[in-house]
Each structure stands twice: as C-alpha cells, then as structure tokens.
Amino acid sequence: MANHIELVARTLAERRSAAQERVQAGSQFWLASGSSQGPHLIPVAYVWDSGEFVTATFERSRTVSNLKRTSHARIALGDTTDVVMVDARARFVPVPAIDPDLADRYAEVSHDPRSMPGFVYIRLTPERIQVWNGFHEFSGRTVMQNSRWLTAPVD
C-alpha cells in the first residue's frame, strides 16, 4: 500500500502573503501578451516598485505592439507546482522619464536600457493575482481582484 499524504490548502492570508513575498523577492517572470496573430510569451527581468512590476524591452517588439493595442498582460512567476499568476494592465515609460533610482535597481537585475537605444520601460499594474501550489489549492486561488487584495475567498 502506497503512503498517502493529504495536502492541506493554505489559507487566503497565507497565499496572499506568499504572493507578496514572491513578487517582492523575485526578479524574473514570464510575460504573455496577445494579438489577432496569437499569443506571445517572453522571459524578462523585473523589479517591484510601489505595487507594480517594472520591466523593459525593445520598443519595436511584438510584446510592446501587443500591449499598446490592448494593455492586457499575463505574468507567471514560479513553476507549475508553485505559481503566482498575475493579470495586469500595462503602461509605457520612455527611458528618459524613468526615475533614476528605479532605473538603477532594474539595471542590477538585467541590462540597463539607459545605455541601449530602442528600449522602453513597462509598468504592469496587477488587477488579479492567483496563487496555488497544486490541485488541492485550485479552489480559493484568487488573492487579488480589481487591484485589491482580498480578505475573503471568491473562488
């Protein structure tokens, strides 16, 4: 007979805390955007700043084109067994307009767009965040909705 370990789902507060820790401590995520040509996914570096993700990429990239068209993005942090999934709204910040301290922080985790022509910063504001580390946590996975941290489960 195989050993059976019953997995217990974390509470909403525990998941919310895990999401906050993950986004604040991390520096890499998958960024998805879409268009009529289909989905597009890229790995990028980021910094967490005042409740938003900040990343940068080529101004003429498919990602920027997609986000300018819809402003909707999806971010995935972690792996398939412990994921933070974020639906976010994108806005663009020209390189000369970025706060120098923020640009320095970004340059510590990636390249420095200030020294690379053709880049733009992207600020991604979370609208919905879901957290789970297995099927046992699929129910109750939403920890943020409408850009507000939840205090009671919604799913």
C-alpha atoms as a PDB file:
ATOM      1  CA  MET A   1       0.000   0.000   0.000  1.00  0.00           C
ATOM      2  CA  ALA A   2       1.408   3.389  -1.011  1.00  0.00           C
ATOM      3  CA  ASN A   3       1.814   6.109   1.546  1.00  0.00           C
ATOM      4  CA  HIS A   4      -0.807   8.787   1.133  1.00  0.00           C
ATOM      5  CA  ILE A   5      -0.088  12.299   2.298  1.00  0.00           C
ATOM      6  CA  GLU A   6      -3.093  14.564   2.474  1.00  0.00           C
ATOM      7  CA  LEU A   7      -2.206  18.020   1.249  1.00  0.00           C
ATOM      8  CA  VAL A   8      -3.818  20.921   3.059  1.00  0.00           C
ATOM      9  CA  ALA A   9      -4.542  24.123   1.204  1.00  0.00           C
ATOM     10  CA  ARG A  10      -3.101  27.337   2.592  1.00  0.00           C
ATOM     11  CA  THR A  11      -5.493  29.966   3.851  1.00  0.00           C
ATOM     12  CA  LEU A  12      -6.207  33.084   1.817  1.00  0.00           C
ATOM     13  CA  ALA A  13      -3.981  35.112   4.153  1.00  0.00           C
ATOM     14  CA  GLU A  14      -1.129  32.610   3.735  1.00  0.00           C
ATOM     15  CA  ARG A  15      -1.463  32.657  -0.052  1.00  0.00           C
ATOM     16  CA  ARG A  16      -1.678  36.440  -0.148  1.00  0.00           C
ATOM     17  CA  SER A  17       1.480  36.628   1.949  1.00  0.00           C
ATOM     18  CA  ALA A  18       3.220  34.086  -0.311  1.00  0.00           C
ATOM     19  CA  ALA A  19       2.307  36.156  -3.388  1.00  0.00           C
ATOM     20  CA  GLN A  20       3.563  39.372  -1.816  1.00  0.00           C
ATOM     21  CA  GLU A  21       6.834  37.731  -0.800  1.00  0.00           C
ATOM     22  CA  ARG A  22       7.321  36.176  -4.249  1.00  0.00           C
ATOM     23  CA  VAL A  23       6.773  39.384  -6.216  1.00  0.00           C
ATOM     24  CA  GLN A  24       8.941  41.455  -3.876  1.00  0.00           C
ATOM     25  CA  ALA A  25      11.821  38.979  -3.761  1.00  0.00           C
ATOM     26  CA  GLY A  26      11.840  37.875  -7.395  1.00  0.00           C
ATOM     27  CA  SER A  27      13.473  39.362 -10.462  1.00  0.00           C
ATOM     28  CA  GLN A  28      12.358  37.110 -13.364  1.00  0.00           C
ATOM     29  CA  PHE A  29       8.980  36.218 -14.823  1.00  0.00           C
ATOM     30  CA  TRP A  30       7.201  35.103 -17.981  1.00  0.00           C
ATOM     31  CA  LEU A  31       5.270  37.910 -19.692  1.00  0.00           C
ATOM     32  CA  ALA A  32       2.427  36.960 -22.035  1.00  0.00           C
ATOM     33  CA  SER A  33       0.588  39.227 -24.432  1.00  0.00           C
ATOM     34  CA  GLY A  34      -1.684  38.533 -27.360  1.00  0.00           C
ATOM     35  CA  SER A  35      -2.959  39.783 -30.679  1.00  0.00           C
ATOM     36  CA  SER A  36      -5.003  38.542 -33.613  1.00  0.00           C
ATOM     37  CA  GLN A  37      -1.826  36.684 -34.661  1.00  0.00           C
ATOM     38  CA  GLY A  38      -1.948  34.674 -31.450  1.00  0.00           C
ATOM     39  CA  PRO A  39      -0.278  34.592 -28.036  1.00  0.00           C
ATOM     40  CA  HIS A  40       3.267  35.767 -27.380  1.00  0.00           C
ATOM     41  CA  LEU A  41       5.415  34.831 -24.371  1.00  0.00           C
ATOM     42  CA  ILE A  42       8.813  36.163 -23.289  1.00  0.00           C
ATOM     43  CA  PRO A  43      11.059  35.737 -20.233  1.00  0.00           C
ATOM     44  CA  VAL A  44      12.004  39.102 -18.705  1.00  0.00           C
ATOM     45  CA  ALA A  45      13.615  40.622 -15.650  1.00  0.00           C
ATOM     46  CA  TYR A  46      11.632  42.912 -13.371  1.00  0.00           C
ATOM     47  CA  VAL A  47      11.723  44.966 -10.221  1.00  0.00           C
ATOM     48  CA  TRP A  48       8.783  45.515  -7.884  1.00  0.00           C
ATOM     49  CA  ASP A  49       8.043  49.202  -7.328  1.00  0.00           C
ATOM     50  CA  SER A  50       5.144  50.718  -5.400  1.00  0.00           C
ATOM     51  CA  GLY A  51       2.804  47.815  -6.114  1.00  0.00           C
ATOM     52  CA  GLU A  52       3.762  47.461  -9.783  1.00  0.00           C
ATOM     53  CA  PHE A  53       6.105  45.314 -11.834  1.00  0.00           C
ATOM     54  CA  VAL A  54       8.632  47.275 -13.896  1.00  0.00           C
ATOM     55  CA  THR A  55      10.369  45.684 -16.859  1.00  0.00           C
ATOM     56  CA  ALA A  56      11.832  46.827 -20.176  1.00  0.00           C
ATOM     57  CA  THR A  57      12.051  45.551 -23.718  1.00  0.00           C
ATOM     58  CA  PHE A  58      12.541  46.700 -27.292  1.00  0.00           C
ATOM     59  CA  GLU A  59      10.102  49.438 -28.391  1.00  0.00           C
ATOM     60  CA  ARG A  60       9.563  47.666 -31.721  1.00  0.00           C
ATOM     61  CA  SER A  61       8.972  44.237 -30.191  1.00  0.00           C
ATOM     62  CA  ARG A  62       5.879  42.127 -30.659  1.00  0.00           C
ATOM     63  CA  THR A  63       5.284  42.415 -26.892  1.00  0.00           C
ATOM     64  CA  VAL A  64       5.165  46.220 -26.983  1.00  0.00           C
ATOM     65  CA  SER A  65       2.981  46.180 -30.088  1.00  0.00           C
ATOM     66  CA  ASN A  66       0.535  43.777 -28.424  1.00  0.00           C
ATOM     67  CA  LEU A  67       0.434  45.725 -25.160  1.00  0.00           C
ATOM     68  CA  LYS A  68      -0.077  49.043 -26.928  1.00  0.00           C
ATOM     69  CA  ARG A  69      -3.067  47.506 -28.696  1.00  0.00           C
ATOM     70  CA  THR A  70      -4.764  46.020 -25.627  1.00  0.00           C
ATOM     71  CA  SER A  71      -2.746  46.935 -22.486  1.00  0.00           C
ATOM     72  CA  HIS A  72      -3.581  43.470 -21.074  1.00  0.00           C
ATOM     73  CA  ALA A  73      -0.756  41.190 -19.955  1.00  0.00           C
ATOM     74  CA  ARG A  74      -0.393  37.979 -18.013  1.00  0.00           C
ATOM     75  CA  ILE A  75       2.594  37.312 -15.790  1.00  0.00           C
ATOM     76  CA  ALA A  76       3.686  33.943 -14.403  1.00  0.00           C
ATOM     77  CA  LEU A  77       6.162  33.611 -11.537  1.00  0.00           C
ATOM     78  CA  GLY A  78       7.391  30.271 -10.248  1.00  0.00           C
ATOM     79  CA  ASP A  79       6.833  26.892 -11.784  1.00  0.00           C
ATOM     80  CA  THR A  80       3.807  24.717 -12.416  1.00  0.00           C
ATOM     81  CA  THR A  81       3.852  23.270  -8.907  1.00  0.00           C
ATOM     82  CA  ASP A  82       4.008  26.639  -7.113  1.00  0.00           C
ATOM     83  CA  VAL A  83       2.755  29.506  -9.242  1.00  0.00           C
ATOM     84  CA  VAL A  84       1.773  33.138  -8.898  1.00  0.00           C
ATOM     85  CA  MET A  85      -0.326  34.143 -11.932  1.00  0.00           C
ATOM     86  CA  VAL A  86      -0.989  37.856 -12.489  1.00  0.00           C
ATOM     87  CA  ASP A  87      -3.356  39.615 -14.875  1.00  0.00           C
ATOM     88  CA  ALA A  88      -2.020  43.144 -15.295  1.00  0.00           C
ATOM     89  CA  ARG A  89      -2.564  46.403 -17.140  1.00  0.00           C
ATOM     90  CA  ALA A  90       0.466  47.830 -18.961  1.00  0.00           C
ATOM     91  CA  ARG A  91       1.610  51.394 -19.453  1.00  0.00           C
ATOM     92  CA  PHE A  92       4.821  52.620 -21.015  1.00  0.00           C
ATOM     93  CA  VAL A  93       7.508  54.887 -19.620  1.00  0.00           C
ATOM     94  CA  PRO A  94      10.108  56.333 -22.007  1.00  0.00           C
ATOM     95  CA  VAL A  95      13.670  55.687 -20.886  1.00  0.00           C
ATOM     96  CA  PRO A  96      14.441  59.398 -20.216  1.00  0.00           C
ATOM     97  CA  ALA A  97      11.326  59.660 -17.996  1.00  0.00           C
ATOM     98  CA  ILE A  98      12.128  56.767 -15.636  1.00  0.00           C
ATOM     99  CA  ASP A  99      13.144  57.571 -12.072  1.00  0.00           C
ATOM    100  CA  PRO A 100      16.964  57.215 -11.895  1.00  0.00           C
ATOM    101  CA  ASP A 101      16.851  55.141  -8.686  1.00  0.00           C
ATOM    102  CA  LEU A 102      14.345  52.764 -10.273  1.00  0.00           C
ATOM    103  CA  ALA A 103      16.482  52.513 -13.417  1.00  0.00           C
ATOM    104  CA  ASP A 104      19.500  51.666 -11.240  1.00  0.00           C
ATOM    105  CA  ARG A 105      17.525  48.918  -9.463  1.00  0.00           C
ATOM    106  CA  TYR A 106      16.432  47.482 -12.801  1.00  0.00           C
ATOM    107  CA  ALA A 107      19.990  47.545 -14.130  1.00  0.00           C
ATOM    108  CA  GLU A 108      21.025  45.386 -11.141  1.00  0.00           C
ATOM    109  CA  VAL A 109      18.770  42.512 -12.311  1.00  0.00           C
ATOM    110  CA  SER A 110      19.084  42.941 -16.073  1.00  0.00           C
ATOM    111  CA  HIS A 111      20.624  45.131 -18.759  1.00  0.00           C
ATOM    112  CA  ASP A 112      20.491  48.929 -18.474  1.00  0.00           C
ATOM    113  CA  PRO A 113      18.008  50.352 -21.015  1.00  0.00           C
ATOM    114  CA  ARG A 114      19.502  53.815 -20.482  1.00  0.00           C
ATOM    115  CA  SER A 115      22.570  52.652 -22.405  1.00  0.00           C
ATOM    116  CA  MET A 116      20.695  50.683 -25.079  1.00  0.00           C
ATOM    117  CA  PRO A 117      18.831  52.604 -27.787  1.00  0.00           C
ATOM    118  CA  GLY A 118      15.367  51.405 -28.734  1.00  0.00           C
ATOM    119  CA  PHE A 119      14.114  50.281 -25.321  1.00  0.00           C
ATOM    120  CA  VAL A 120      11.062  51.302 -23.310  1.00  0.00           C
ATOM    121  CA  TYR A 121      10.119  50.577 -19.700  1.00  0.00           C
ATOM    122  CA  ILE A 122       6.782  48.916 -18.997  1.00  0.00           C
ATOM    123  CA  ARG A 123       4.905  49.356 -15.720  1.00  0.00           C
ATOM    124  CA  LEU A 124       2.478  46.496 -15.092  1.00  0.00           C
ATOM    125  CA  THR A 125      -0.259  47.096 -12.541  1.00  0.00           C
ATOM    126  CA  PRO A 126      -1.735  43.884 -11.108  1.00  0.00           C
ATOM    127  CA  GLU A 127      -5.503  43.604 -11.451  1.00  0.00           C
ATOM    128  CA  ARG A 128      -5.928  39.954 -10.462  1.00  0.00           C
ATOM    129  CA  ILE A 129      -3.470  37.618  -8.736  1.00  0.00           C
ATOM    130  CA  GLN A 130      -3.929  33.884  -8.296  1.00  0.00           C
ATOM    131  CA  VAL A 131      -1.715  31.597  -6.200  1.00  0.00           C
ATOM    132  CA  TRP A 132      -1.610  27.816  -5.947  1.00  0.00           C
ATOM    133  CA  ASN A 133       0.900  25.048  -5.347  1.00  0.00           C
ATOM    134  CA  GLY A 134      -1.098  22.085  -6.553  1.00  0.00           C
ATOM    135  CA  PHE A 135      -4.563  20.921  -7.444  1.00  0.00           C
ATOM    136  CA  HIS A 136      -5.508  20.895  -3.755  1.00  0.00           C
ATOM    137  CA  GLU A 137      -5.221  24.722  -3.841  1.00  0.00           C
ATOM    138  CA  PHE A 138      -7.122  25.360  -7.048  1.00  0.00           C
ATOM    139  CA  SER A 139     -10.195  26.424  -5.102  1.00  0.00           C
ATOM    140  CA  GLY A 140      -9.589  29.749  -3.376  1.00  0.00           C
ATOM    141  CA  ARG A 141      -6.632  30.637  -5.610  1.00  0.00           C
ATOM    142  CA  THR A 142      -7.565  34.297  -6.222  1.00  0.00           C
ATOM    143  CA  VAL A 143      -5.873  36.626  -3.714  1.00  0.00           C
ATOM    144  CA  MET A 144      -6.323  39.930  -5.591  1.00  0.00           C
ATOM    145  CA  GLN A 145      -9.252  41.111  -7.653  1.00  0.00           C
ATOM    146  CA  ASN A 146      -9.863  44.549  -9.211  1.00  0.00           C
ATOM    147  CA  SER A 147      -6.378  45.572  -7.992  1.00  0.00           C
ATOM    148  CA  ARG A 148      -7.362  44.984  -4.344  1.00  0.00           C
ATOM    149  CA  TRP A 149      -6.004  42.325  -2.011  1.00  0.00           C
ATOM    150  CA  LEU A 150      -8.880  40.090  -0.918  1.00  0.00           C
ATOM    151  CA  THR A 151      -9.911  39.442   2.651  1.00  0.00           C
ATOM    152  CA  ALA A 152     -12.416  36.696   1.783  1.00  0.00           C
ATOM    153  CA  PRO A 153     -12.291  33.914  -0.846  1.00  0.00           C
ATOM    154  CA  VAL A 154     -14.077  34.488  -4.175  1.00  0.00           C
ATOM    155  CA  ASP A 155     -13.447  31.148  -5.928  1.00  0.00           C
END
